[in-house]
Each structure stands twice: as C-alpha cells, then as structure tokens.
Amino acid sequence: MEPLLVSTGIVAIAEIGDKTQLLALILAARYRKPLPIGFGILLATLVNHGLAAWLGALAASWLGPDALRWILGLGFIAMAGWCLVADRVEDGPKATAKAGAFLATLVAFFLVEIGDKTQIATVALAARFDSLLLVTAGTTLGMMLVNVPAVLCGDGIARLAPLELIRILAAALFALLGTMTLLRLDFGLLGA
C-alpha cells in the first residue's frame, strides 16, 4: 500500500498549479464535456505514467536535457497556436463532438505530460518501490484528484467567460511557457 499512497500524495501535490492542470481547464472551457475529458485524462495518464515507470529513465538519458527542453518549448508554442484555432466540433454530430473532446484530451495530455515533473516523479517512484502497478496507479490517482476538479471548474468558467477570451488567455499562457522553456527561465512555474 505504501507505493500507492506515497505516489498519490507526491503527484497530487506536484500537479497543483502545473501546466497539465492548466490544460485541463482549457480543455474543459473549450469542449464543455467533462466526462470525455476526464476519461481522456485518465487514459493518457495511465499510458504516460505506465511508460514512464518502465522507460522514463532510459528515454531521458537518450534525449538529454537540451533536446527535452526544445521539444517541450516548441510543444508549448504549438499548443498556443492550437488554442487560437476556433472549434468546428459543434457543427458535427454529437458523437463526433464527444470523440473530439476525448481524443484531443488524450493526445494533448499525453504529450504535455512528457518531461513534466509528475512524469519524472513517476520514474523516481518506480525506481524506489518494487511495484510498478501500484506506482502507476498512485500517480494516476494523484493526477485525477487534482485535474477532475479543474475540469469541472473549467466548464463553469466557460459558462461565465466568452470562449474567445479563454482561447486568447490560454494561448498567451502556453506561449509564455514555451518561451520560458526555450530561454531556460523557470521561476518555479514549469513542470519539467
């Protein structure tokens, strides 16, 4: 039980205010579909943290910190551009809209979590404890404990604030994160 409890606590604390929590808010505001977003976060985190528990240390040694910094920085800037693109999901059938929210969340969460402090924590926790299953379950539970409320709040914020304003603010924040990553400016705000 210790690997599960320790992993849950460490990742939940690390995730508060993290870029993936920001992403949860943005996705909730953009799609207004909490259930598919929540399942997207769950599956992306399970896959990402499962892989991190097994291969994270090896991948980090292959890429090195500079390559990882460039991948993350450019990824954030690309995410900023994506935030500015108006959705066409509402024009299609409801099933497409639900798949759109789920798939967008799945892909975005998986990619943004690469090199994040919670992924790195997963690698360290897997090295510390014998049970990869309990570590992966614990880190995933920690992510869900913090991000599900963010998804629910993001949906409420979307009802109060214009979606265009949310898009612009989200794009600005991702562009700032990307620029800070590329320039190696941390100030304790970046997850990696």
N, C-alpha and C. Protein backbone atom coordinates (compact mmCIF):
# COMPACT_ATOMS: atom_id res chain seq x y z
N MET A 1 0.82 -1.20 0.00
CA MET A 1 0.00 0.00 0.00
C MET A 1 0.86 1.26 0.00
N GLU A 2 2.04 1.19 0.57
CA GLU A 2 2.90 2.37 0.66
C GLU A 2 3.20 2.97 -0.72
N PRO A 3 3.55 2.16 -1.74
CA PRO A 3 3.81 2.77 -3.05
C PRO A 3 2.60 3.53 -3.60
N LEU A 4 1.41 2.99 -3.39
CA LEU A 4 0.19 3.64 -3.86
C LEU A 4 -0.04 4.97 -3.14
N LEU A 5 0.02 4.96 -1.83
CA LEU A 5 -0.25 6.17 -1.04
C LEU A 5 0.81 7.25 -1.26
N VAL A 6 2.07 6.86 -1.25
CA VAL A 6 3.15 7.83 -1.45
C VAL A 6 3.07 8.42 -2.86
N SER A 7 2.86 7.56 -3.85
CA SER A 7 2.77 8.04 -5.25
C SER A 7 1.59 8.98 -5.44
N THR A 8 0.45 8.64 -4.84
CA THR A 8 -0.73 9.50 -4.96
C THR A 8 -0.46 10.87 -4.34
N GLY A 9 0.07 10.89 -3.14
CA GLY A 9 0.32 12.16 -2.45
C GLY A 9 1.34 13.04 -3.15
N ILE A 10 2.44 12.45 -3.56
CA ILE A 10 3.50 13.24 -4.21
C ILE A 10 3.01 13.85 -5.51
N VAL A 11 2.35 13.05 -6.33
CA VAL A 11 1.90 13.57 -7.63
C VAL A 11 0.74 14.56 -7.46
N ALA A 12 -0.16 14.33 -6.53
CA ALA A 12 -1.25 15.29 -6.32
C ALA A 12 -0.69 16.66 -5.93
N ILE A 13 0.28 16.67 -5.05
CA ILE A 13 0.88 17.94 -4.62
C ILE A 13 1.65 18.58 -5.79
N ALA A 14 2.39 17.77 -6.52
CA ALA A 14 3.18 18.30 -7.64
C ALA A 14 2.29 18.84 -8.76
N GLU A 15 1.10 18.30 -8.92
CA GLU A 15 0.22 18.67 -10.02
C GLU A 15 -0.52 19.99 -9.79
N ILE A 16 -0.64 20.42 -8.54
CA ILE A 16 -1.37 21.65 -8.24
C ILE A 16 -0.66 22.83 -8.90
N GLY A 17 -1.37 23.52 -9.77
CA GLY A 17 -0.82 24.67 -10.48
C GLY A 17 0.08 24.31 -11.64
N ASP A 18 0.17 23.03 -11.98
CA ASP A 18 1.05 22.57 -13.06
C ASP A 18 0.42 22.86 -14.42
N LYS A 19 1.25 22.76 -15.47
CA LYS A 19 0.76 23.05 -16.83
C LYS A 19 -0.33 22.08 -17.28
N THR A 20 -0.32 20.84 -16.79
CA THR A 20 -1.39 19.92 -17.18
C THR A 20 -2.70 20.28 -16.48
N GLN A 21 -2.63 20.88 -15.31
CA GLN A 21 -3.85 21.36 -14.68
C GLN A 21 -4.40 22.54 -15.48
N LEU A 22 -3.52 23.40 -15.97
CA LEU A 22 -3.94 24.49 -16.86
C LEU A 22 -4.58 23.91 -18.12
N LEU A 23 -4.00 22.86 -18.66
CA LEU A 23 -4.55 22.21 -19.85
C LEU A 23 -5.95 21.66 -19.56
N ALA A 24 -6.15 21.09 -18.37
CA ALA A 24 -7.47 20.57 -18.00
C ALA A 24 -8.51 21.69 -18.01
N LEU A 25 -8.15 22.84 -17.49
CA LEU A 25 -9.05 23.99 -17.50
C LEU A 25 -9.38 24.43 -18.93
N ILE A 26 -8.35 24.47 -19.76
CA ILE A 26 -8.54 24.91 -21.15
C ILE A 26 -9.43 23.95 -21.91
N LEU A 27 -9.18 22.66 -21.76
CA LEU A 27 -9.99 21.67 -22.47
C LEU A 27 -11.44 21.71 -21.99
N ALA A 28 -11.63 21.91 -20.69
CA ALA A 28 -12.99 22.00 -20.16
C ALA A 28 -13.71 23.22 -20.73
N ALA A 29 -13.01 24.33 -20.82
CA ALA A 29 -13.61 25.55 -21.36
C ALA A 29 -13.87 25.41 -22.85
N ARG A 30 -12.98 24.73 -23.54
CA ARG A 30 -13.08 24.60 -25.00
C ARG A 30 -14.20 23.65 -25.41
N TYR A 31 -14.29 22.50 -24.76
CA TYR A 31 -15.23 21.46 -25.19
C TYR A 31 -16.50 21.38 -24.34
N ARG A 32 -16.42 21.77 -23.08
CA ARG A 32 -17.57 21.72 -22.18
C ARG A 32 -18.17 20.31 -22.09
N LYS A 33 -17.31 19.33 -22.06
CA LYS A 33 -17.72 17.93 -21.97
C LYS A 33 -16.85 17.25 -20.90
N PRO A 34 -17.20 17.42 -19.62
CA PRO A 34 -16.34 16.93 -18.54
C PRO A 34 -16.08 15.42 -18.58
N LEU A 35 -17.07 14.61 -18.92
CA LEU A 35 -16.88 13.16 -18.88
C LEU A 35 -15.84 12.68 -19.91
N PRO A 36 -15.96 13.02 -21.20
CA PRO A 36 -14.92 12.58 -22.14
C PRO A 36 -13.55 13.16 -21.81
N ILE A 37 -13.51 14.37 -21.29
CA ILE A 37 -12.23 14.98 -20.91
C ILE A 37 -11.63 14.21 -19.74
N GLY A 38 -12.43 13.89 -18.75
CA GLY A 38 -11.95 13.12 -17.61
C GLY A 38 -11.41 11.76 -18.02
N PHE A 39 -12.13 11.08 -18.92
CA PHE A 39 -11.64 9.77 -19.40
C PHE A 39 -10.38 9.93 -20.24
N GLY A 40 -10.28 11.01 -21.00
CA GLY A 40 -9.06 11.28 -21.77
C GLY A 40 -7.87 11.50 -20.86
N ILE A 41 -8.08 12.26 -19.78
CA ILE A 41 -7.01 12.49 -18.80
C ILE A 41 -6.61 11.17 -18.16
N LEU A 42 -7.59 10.37 -17.78
CA LEU A 42 -7.31 9.09 -17.13
C LEU A 42 -6.48 8.17 -18.03
N LEU A 43 -6.92 7.98 -19.25
CA LEU A 43 -6.21 7.07 -20.15
C LEU A 43 -4.83 7.60 -20.51
N ALA A 44 -4.74 8.90 -20.80
CA ALA A 44 -3.44 9.49 -21.14
C ALA A 44 -2.46 9.35 -19.98
N THR A 45 -2.95 9.58 -18.76
CA THR A 45 -2.08 9.48 -17.59
C THR A 45 -1.66 8.04 -17.33
N LEU A 46 -2.59 7.10 -17.46
CA LEU A 46 -2.24 5.69 -17.27
C LEU A 46 -1.16 5.25 -18.25
N VAL A 47 -1.33 5.60 -19.51
CA VAL A 47 -0.35 5.20 -20.52
C VAL A 47 0.98 5.91 -20.29
N ASN A 48 0.90 7.23 -20.09
CA ASN A 48 2.12 8.01 -19.92
C ASN A 48 2.90 7.58 -18.69
N HIS A 49 2.22 7.46 -17.57
CA HIS A 49 2.91 7.11 -16.33
C HIS A 49 3.33 5.64 -16.32
N GLY A 50 2.56 4.78 -16.99
CA GLY A 50 2.99 3.39 -17.12
C GLY A 50 4.29 3.29 -17.90
N LEU A 51 4.34 4.01 -19.01
CA LEU A 51 5.58 4.03 -19.80
C LEU A 51 6.72 4.68 -19.03
N ALA A 52 6.40 5.75 -18.29
CA ALA A 52 7.42 6.43 -17.50
C ALA A 52 8.02 5.50 -16.46
N ALA A 53 7.17 4.70 -15.83
CA ALA A 53 7.65 3.78 -14.81
C ALA A 53 8.64 2.77 -15.39
N TRP A 54 8.44 2.39 -16.63
CA TRP A 54 9.33 1.40 -17.26
C TRP A 54 10.47 2.02 -18.08
N LEU A 55 10.17 3.07 -18.81
CA LEU A 55 11.15 3.57 -19.78
C LEU A 55 11.62 5.01 -19.57
N GLY A 56 11.07 5.70 -18.59
CA GLY A 56 11.38 7.11 -18.41
C GLY A 56 12.86 7.41 -18.23
N ALA A 57 13.50 6.68 -17.38
CA ALA A 57 14.92 6.93 -17.12
C ALA A 57 15.76 6.70 -18.38
N LEU A 58 15.44 5.67 -19.13
CA LEU A 58 16.18 5.37 -20.36
C LEU A 58 15.97 6.45 -21.41
N ALA A 59 14.73 6.89 -21.61
CA ALA A 59 14.43 7.93 -22.60
C ALA A 59 15.12 9.25 -22.24
N ALA A 60 15.12 9.60 -20.97
CA ALA A 60 15.78 10.84 -20.54
C ALA A 60 17.27 10.79 -20.83
N SER A 61 17.87 9.64 -20.67
CA SER A 61 19.31 9.53 -20.94
C SER A 61 19.59 9.62 -22.45
N TRP A 62 18.67 9.18 -23.27
CA TRP A 62 18.83 9.27 -24.72
C TRP A 62 18.69 10.70 -25.21
N LEU A 63 17.66 11.39 -24.70
CA LEU A 63 17.37 12.73 -25.19
C LEU A 63 18.30 13.78 -24.62
N GLY A 64 18.59 13.71 -23.37
CA GLY A 64 19.37 14.74 -22.71
C GLY A 64 18.52 15.96 -22.42
N PRO A 65 18.97 16.79 -21.50
CA PRO A 65 18.16 17.93 -21.06
C PRO A 65 17.92 18.98 -22.15
N ASP A 66 18.90 19.21 -23.01
CA ASP A 66 18.72 20.24 -24.05
C ASP A 66 17.68 19.83 -25.09
N ALA A 67 17.73 18.59 -25.54
CA ALA A 67 16.74 18.12 -26.52
C ALA A 67 15.34 18.15 -25.89
N LEU A 68 15.25 17.72 -24.65
CA LEU A 68 13.96 17.73 -23.97
C LEU A 68 13.43 19.15 -23.83
N ARG A 69 14.29 20.09 -23.51
CA ARG A 69 13.90 21.49 -23.38
C ARG A 69 13.34 22.01 -24.70
N TRP A 70 13.97 21.70 -25.82
CA TRP A 70 13.49 22.16 -27.13
C TRP A 70 12.16 21.51 -27.50
N ILE A 71 12.04 20.24 -27.25
CA ILE A 71 10.79 19.54 -27.55
C ILE A 71 9.65 20.15 -26.74
N LEU A 72 9.86 20.36 -25.44
CA LEU A 72 8.82 20.93 -24.60
C LEU A 72 8.50 22.37 -24.99
N GLY A 73 9.53 23.18 -25.20
CA GLY A 73 9.31 24.59 -25.54
C GLY A 73 8.54 24.75 -26.84
N LEU A 74 8.94 24.03 -27.87
CA LEU A 74 8.23 24.10 -29.15
C LEU A 74 6.83 23.50 -29.04
N GLY A 75 6.69 22.48 -28.21
CA GLY A 75 5.36 21.89 -27.98
C GLY A 75 4.40 22.87 -27.34
N PHE A 76 4.88 23.63 -26.37
CA PHE A 76 4.04 24.65 -25.74
C PHE A 76 3.62 25.72 -26.74
N ILE A 77 4.56 26.15 -27.57
CA ILE A 77 4.24 27.18 -28.56
C ILE A 77 3.24 26.64 -29.58
N ALA A 78 3.39 25.39 -29.98
CA ALA A 78 2.41 24.77 -30.88
C ALA A 78 1.04 24.70 -30.21
N MET A 79 1.01 24.40 -28.91
CA MET A 79 -0.25 24.35 -28.17
C MET A 79 -0.90 25.74 -28.13
N ALA A 80 -0.07 26.78 -28.03
CA ALA A 80 -0.60 28.15 -28.05
C ALA A 80 -1.33 28.41 -29.36
N GLY A 81 -0.74 27.99 -30.46
CA GLY A 81 -1.39 28.15 -31.75
C GLY A 81 -2.68 27.37 -31.83
N TRP A 82 -2.69 26.16 -31.30
CA TRP A 82 -3.88 25.31 -31.31
C TRP A 82 -5.01 25.97 -30.53
N CYS A 83 -4.66 26.64 -29.43
CA CYS A 83 -5.68 27.30 -28.61
C CYS A 83 -6.41 28.40 -29.38
N LEU A 84 -5.75 29.01 -30.35
CA LEU A 84 -6.35 30.12 -31.10
C LEU A 84 -7.26 29.65 -32.23
N VAL A 85 -7.18 28.38 -32.59
CA VAL A 85 -7.99 27.86 -33.68
C VAL A 85 -9.41 27.63 -33.19
N ALA A 86 -10.37 28.23 -33.87
CA ALA A 86 -11.77 28.06 -33.49
C ALA A 86 -12.21 26.62 -33.75
N ASP A 87 -13.02 26.11 -32.86
CA ASP A 87 -13.51 24.74 -33.00
C ASP A 87 -14.58 24.64 -34.06
N ARG A 88 -14.59 23.52 -34.74
CA ARG A 88 -15.65 23.20 -35.69
C ARG A 88 -16.44 21.99 -35.19
N VAL A 89 -16.11 21.53 -34.00
CA VAL A 89 -16.73 20.33 -33.43
C VAL A 89 -18.23 20.50 -33.29
N GLU A 90 -18.69 21.71 -32.94
CA GLU A 90 -20.11 21.92 -32.72
C GLU A 90 -20.93 21.72 -34.00
N ASP A 91 -20.29 21.82 -35.17
CA ASP A 91 -21.00 21.67 -36.43
C ASP A 91 -21.33 20.21 -36.74
N GLY A 92 -20.60 19.28 -36.16
CA GLY A 92 -20.79 17.87 -36.48
C GLY A 92 -21.77 17.20 -35.56
N PRO A 93 -21.96 15.89 -35.74
CA PRO A 93 -22.87 15.15 -34.87
C PRO A 93 -22.33 15.09 -33.45
N LYS A 94 -23.23 14.80 -32.50
CA LYS A 94 -22.82 14.78 -31.09
C LYS A 94 -21.75 13.72 -30.82
N ALA A 95 -21.80 12.60 -31.49
CA ALA A 95 -20.80 11.57 -31.28
C ALA A 95 -19.42 12.08 -31.68
N THR A 96 -19.33 12.85 -32.75
CA THR A 96 -18.06 13.42 -33.18
C THR A 96 -17.56 14.41 -32.15
N ALA A 97 -18.46 15.22 -31.61
CA ALA A 97 -18.06 16.19 -30.60
C ALA A 97 -17.49 15.49 -29.37
N LYS A 98 -18.12 14.39 -28.95
CA LYS A 98 -17.62 13.66 -27.79
C LYS A 98 -16.27 13.01 -28.10
N ALA A 99 -16.14 12.42 -29.27
CA ALA A 99 -14.87 11.82 -29.65
C ALA A 99 -13.81 12.90 -29.78
N GLY A 100 -14.20 14.08 -30.25
CA GLY A 100 -13.25 15.18 -30.38
C GLY A 100 -12.68 15.60 -29.04
N ALA A 101 -13.53 15.74 -28.04
CA ALA A 101 -13.07 16.14 -26.70
C ALA A 101 -12.18 15.05 -26.11
N PHE A 102 -12.60 13.79 -26.24
CA PHE A 102 -11.81 12.68 -25.70
C PHE A 102 -10.45 12.57 -26.39
N LEU A 103 -10.45 12.55 -27.72
CA LEU A 103 -9.19 12.38 -28.45
C LEU A 103 -8.26 13.57 -28.26
N ALA A 104 -8.82 14.78 -28.27
CA ALA A 104 -7.99 15.96 -28.05
C ALA A 104 -7.35 15.92 -26.67
N THR A 105 -8.12 15.52 -25.67
CA THR A 105 -7.60 15.42 -24.30
C THR A 105 -6.55 14.33 -24.21
N LEU A 106 -6.84 13.18 -24.78
CA LEU A 106 -5.91 12.05 -24.73
C LEU A 106 -4.55 12.43 -25.31
N VAL A 107 -4.56 12.99 -26.51
CA VAL A 107 -3.30 13.34 -27.19
C VAL A 107 -2.60 14.49 -26.48
N ALA A 108 -3.34 15.55 -26.16
CA ALA A 108 -2.73 16.73 -25.54
C ALA A 108 -2.13 16.37 -24.18
N PHE A 109 -2.88 15.65 -23.35
CA PHE A 109 -2.37 15.29 -22.02
C PHE A 109 -1.16 14.40 -22.12
N PHE A 110 -1.21 13.43 -23.01
CA PHE A 110 -0.06 12.53 -23.15
C PHE A 110 1.19 13.32 -23.54
N LEU A 111 1.07 14.22 -24.52
CA LEU A 111 2.23 14.97 -25.00
C LEU A 111 2.72 15.99 -23.98
N VAL A 112 1.81 16.73 -23.37
CA VAL A 112 2.22 17.76 -22.41
C VAL A 112 2.84 17.13 -21.16
N GLU A 113 2.44 15.93 -20.84
CA GLU A 113 2.97 15.25 -19.65
C GLU A 113 4.40 14.74 -19.87
N ILE A 114 4.86 14.67 -21.12
CA ILE A 114 6.22 14.20 -21.39
C ILE A 114 7.22 15.19 -20.79
N GLY A 115 8.06 14.70 -19.93
CA GLY A 115 9.08 15.52 -19.29
C GLY A 115 8.57 16.37 -18.14
N ASP A 116 7.30 16.23 -17.80
CA ASP A 116 6.71 17.01 -16.72
C ASP A 116 7.21 16.49 -15.37
N LYS A 117 7.10 17.33 -14.34
CA LYS A 117 7.59 16.91 -13.02
C LYS A 117 6.85 15.69 -12.50
N THR A 118 5.58 15.52 -12.86
CA THR A 118 4.85 14.34 -12.38
C THR A 118 5.31 13.08 -13.11
N GLN A 119 5.71 13.22 -14.37
CA GLN A 119 6.26 12.06 -15.07
C GLN A 119 7.64 11.70 -14.50
N ILE A 120 8.43 12.71 -14.21
CA ILE A 120 9.75 12.47 -13.62
C ILE A 120 9.59 11.86 -12.23
N ALA A 121 8.60 12.34 -11.49
CA ALA A 121 8.32 11.75 -10.18
C ALA A 121 7.94 10.28 -10.32
N THR A 122 7.19 9.96 -11.35
CA THR A 122 6.80 8.57 -11.58
C THR A 122 8.02 7.69 -11.81
N VAL A 123 8.98 8.19 -12.60
CA VAL A 123 10.22 7.46 -12.85
C VAL A 123 10.95 7.21 -11.53
N ALA A 124 11.08 8.26 -10.71
CA ALA A 124 11.79 8.13 -9.44
C ALA A 124 11.06 7.19 -8.48
N LEU A 125 9.74 7.30 -8.43
CA LEU A 125 8.97 6.44 -7.54
C LEU A 125 9.06 4.98 -7.98
N ALA A 126 9.04 4.73 -9.28
CA ALA A 126 9.17 3.36 -9.77
C ALA A 126 10.54 2.79 -9.45
N ALA A 127 11.56 3.65 -9.44
CA ALA A 127 12.90 3.19 -9.06
C ALA A 127 12.97 2.90 -7.56
N ARG A 128 12.20 3.60 -6.77
CA ARG A 128 12.22 3.46 -5.31
C ARG A 128 11.41 2.25 -4.83
N PHE A 129 10.26 2.01 -5.45
CA PHE A 129 9.37 0.95 -4.99
C PHE A 129 9.39 -0.22 -5.98
N ASP A 130 9.07 -1.39 -5.46
CA ASP A 130 9.08 -2.61 -6.28
C ASP A 130 7.87 -2.73 -7.20
N SER A 131 6.77 -2.12 -6.88
CA SER A 131 5.53 -2.34 -7.61
C SER A 131 5.25 -1.25 -8.65
N LEU A 132 5.54 -1.57 -9.90
CA LEU A 132 5.23 -0.62 -10.98
C LEU A 132 3.73 -0.38 -11.08
N LEU A 133 2.94 -1.40 -10.83
CA LEU A 133 1.49 -1.28 -10.89
C LEU A 133 0.96 -0.30 -9.84
N LEU A 134 1.42 -0.43 -8.60
CA LEU A 134 0.95 0.47 -7.54
C LEU A 134 1.47 1.90 -7.74
N VAL A 135 2.68 2.05 -8.23
CA VAL A 135 3.21 3.38 -8.51
C VAL A 135 2.41 4.05 -9.63
N THR A 136 2.17 3.32 -10.70
CA THR A 136 1.39 3.87 -11.82
C THR A 136 -0.03 4.20 -11.38
N ALA A 137 -0.65 3.32 -10.60
CA ALA A 137 -2.00 3.58 -10.09
C ALA A 137 -2.00 4.79 -9.17
N GLY A 138 -1.00 4.91 -8.32
CA GLY A 138 -0.92 6.04 -7.40
C GLY A 138 -0.69 7.37 -8.10
N THR A 139 0.23 7.39 -9.05
CA THR A 139 0.49 8.65 -9.75
C THR A 139 -0.71 9.06 -10.59
N THR A 140 -1.40 8.08 -11.16
CA THR A 140 -2.61 8.37 -11.93
C THR A 140 -3.71 8.90 -11.02
N LEU A 141 -3.88 8.29 -9.87
CA LEU A 141 -4.88 8.76 -8.92
C LEU A 141 -4.57 10.20 -8.47
N GLY A 142 -3.31 10.49 -8.22
CA GLY A 142 -2.91 11.85 -7.86
C GLY A 142 -3.26 12.86 -8.93
N MET A 143 -3.02 12.50 -10.19
CA MET A 143 -3.37 13.38 -11.31
C MET A 143 -4.88 13.60 -11.36
N MET A 144 -5.65 12.55 -11.18
CA MET A 144 -7.10 12.67 -11.26
C MET A 144 -7.67 13.49 -10.10
N LEU A 145 -7.11 13.34 -8.91
CA LEU A 145 -7.59 14.10 -7.75
C LEU A 145 -7.46 15.61 -7.97
N VAL A 146 -6.47 16.03 -8.73
CA VAL A 146 -6.25 17.45 -8.96
C VAL A 146 -6.93 17.93 -10.25
N ASN A 147 -6.94 17.09 -11.28
CA ASN A 147 -7.43 17.55 -12.58
C ASN A 147 -8.94 17.43 -12.77
N VAL A 148 -9.59 16.49 -12.12
CA VAL A 148 -11.04 16.39 -12.26
C VAL A 148 -11.73 17.66 -11.74
N PRO A 149 -11.35 18.17 -10.56
CA PRO A 149 -11.96 19.45 -10.16
C PRO A 149 -11.63 20.59 -11.13
N ALA A 150 -10.44 20.58 -11.72
CA ALA A 150 -10.09 21.61 -12.71
C ALA A 150 -11.01 21.52 -13.93
N VAL A 151 -11.31 20.31 -14.35
CA VAL A 151 -12.22 20.12 -15.49
C VAL A 151 -13.61 20.64 -15.13
N LEU A 152 -14.07 20.34 -13.95
CA LEU A 152 -15.40 20.80 -13.54
C LEU A 152 -15.45 22.32 -13.40
N CYS A 153 -14.40 22.92 -12.89
CA CYS A 153 -14.33 24.39 -12.78
C CYS A 153 -14.21 25.03 -14.14
N GLY A 154 -13.43 24.40 -15.02
CA GLY A 154 -13.25 24.95 -16.37
C GLY A 154 -14.56 25.04 -17.11
N ASP A 155 -15.42 24.05 -16.93
CA ASP A 155 -16.73 24.08 -17.56
C ASP A 155 -17.55 25.24 -17.01
N GLY A 156 -17.47 25.49 -15.72
CA GLY A 156 -18.19 26.62 -15.11
C GLY A 156 -17.65 27.95 -15.58
N ILE A 157 -16.33 28.05 -15.70
CA ILE A 157 -15.71 29.28 -16.19
C ILE A 157 -16.16 29.56 -17.62
N ALA A 158 -16.27 28.51 -18.43
CA ALA A 158 -16.69 28.68 -19.83
C ALA A 158 -18.10 29.23 -19.93
N ARG A 159 -18.92 28.93 -18.94
CA ARG A 159 -20.30 29.45 -18.96
C ARG A 159 -20.34 30.94 -18.59
N LEU A 160 -19.33 31.41 -17.87
CA LEU A 160 -19.30 32.79 -17.42
C LEU A 160 -18.46 33.70 -18.31
N ALA A 161 -17.40 33.18 -18.91
CA ALA A 161 -16.48 34.00 -19.71
C ALA A 161 -16.62 33.64 -21.19
N PRO A 162 -16.44 34.61 -22.08
CA PRO A 162 -16.51 34.32 -23.51
C PRO A 162 -15.40 33.34 -23.93
N LEU A 163 -15.74 32.37 -24.76
CA LEU A 163 -14.78 31.36 -25.20
C LEU A 163 -13.59 32.00 -25.92
N GLU A 164 -13.83 33.05 -26.68
CA GLU A 164 -12.73 33.72 -27.39
C GLU A 164 -11.70 34.27 -26.40
N LEU A 165 -12.16 34.85 -25.32
CA LEU A 165 -11.25 35.38 -24.29
C LEU A 165 -10.45 34.24 -23.66
N ILE A 166 -11.12 33.14 -23.37
CA ILE A 166 -10.44 31.98 -22.78
C ILE A 166 -9.39 31.45 -23.75
N ARG A 167 -9.72 31.38 -25.04
CA ARG A 167 -8.77 30.94 -26.06
C ARG A 167 -7.53 31.82 -26.08
N ILE A 168 -7.73 33.13 -26.06
CA ILE A 168 -6.61 34.08 -26.13
C ILE A 168 -5.74 33.98 -24.88
N LEU A 169 -6.37 33.92 -23.71
CA LEU A 169 -5.60 33.79 -22.48
C LEU A 169 -4.82 32.48 -22.43
N ALA A 170 -5.46 31.40 -22.85
CA ALA A 170 -4.78 30.10 -22.87
C ALA A 170 -3.60 30.12 -23.82
N ALA A 171 -3.80 30.69 -25.01
CA ALA A 171 -2.71 30.77 -25.98
C ALA A 171 -1.56 31.59 -25.41
N ALA A 172 -1.88 32.70 -24.76
CA ALA A 172 -0.82 33.54 -24.18
C ALA A 172 -0.04 32.78 -23.11
N LEU A 173 -0.76 32.03 -22.27
CA LEU A 173 -0.08 31.27 -21.22
C LEU A 173 0.82 30.17 -21.80
N PHE A 174 0.33 29.45 -22.81
CA PHE A 174 1.17 28.42 -23.43
C PHE A 174 2.36 29.03 -24.16
N ALA A 175 2.15 30.17 -24.82
CA ALA A 175 3.27 30.84 -25.48
C ALA A 175 4.31 31.28 -24.45
N LEU A 176 3.84 31.78 -23.31
CA LEU A 176 4.75 32.17 -22.24
C LEU A 176 5.52 30.97 -21.71
N LEU A 177 4.83 29.85 -21.47
CA LEU A 177 5.51 28.64 -21.01
C LEU A 177 6.54 28.15 -22.02
N GLY A 178 6.17 28.18 -23.30
CA GLY A 178 7.11 27.76 -24.35
C GLY A 178 8.34 28.65 -24.40
N THR A 179 8.13 29.95 -24.34
CA THR A 179 9.24 30.90 -24.37
C THR A 179 10.14 30.73 -23.15
N MET A 180 9.51 30.59 -21.98
CA MET A 180 10.29 30.40 -20.76
C MET A 180 11.11 29.11 -20.82
N THR A 181 10.52 28.06 -21.38
CA THR A 181 11.24 26.79 -21.51
C THR A 181 12.43 26.94 -22.44
N LEU A 182 12.21 27.55 -23.59
CA LEU A 182 13.29 27.71 -24.56
C LEU A 182 14.41 28.60 -24.04
N LEU A 183 14.05 29.60 -23.24
CA LEU A 183 15.05 30.53 -22.70
C LEU A 183 15.60 30.07 -21.34
N ARG A 184 15.15 28.90 -20.90
CA ARG A 184 15.59 28.33 -19.61
C ARG A 184 15.23 29.22 -18.44
N LEU A 185 14.09 29.88 -18.52
CA LEU A 185 13.58 30.68 -17.42
C LEU A 185 12.54 29.85 -16.70
N ASP A 186 12.78 29.52 -15.46
CA ASP A 186 11.88 28.62 -14.75
C ASP A 186 11.04 29.34 -13.72
N PHE A 187 11.64 30.01 -12.78
CA PHE A 187 10.94 30.70 -11.69
C PHE A 187 10.00 29.77 -10.93
N GLY A 188 10.24 28.46 -11.01
CA GLY A 188 9.39 27.51 -10.30
C GLY A 188 8.03 27.28 -10.95
N LEU A 189 7.80 27.78 -12.17
CA LEU A 189 6.49 27.66 -12.80
C LEU A 189 6.39 26.48 -13.75
N LEU A 190 7.50 26.02 -14.27
CA LEU A 190 7.46 24.95 -15.27
C LEU A 190 7.54 23.59 -14.59
N GLY A 191 6.82 22.65 -15.17
CA GLY A 191 6.78 21.32 -14.58
C GLY A 191 8.01 20.48 -14.83
N ALA A 192 8.77 20.76 -15.87
CA ALA A 192 9.90 19.89 -16.20
C ALA A 192 11.13 20.27 -15.44
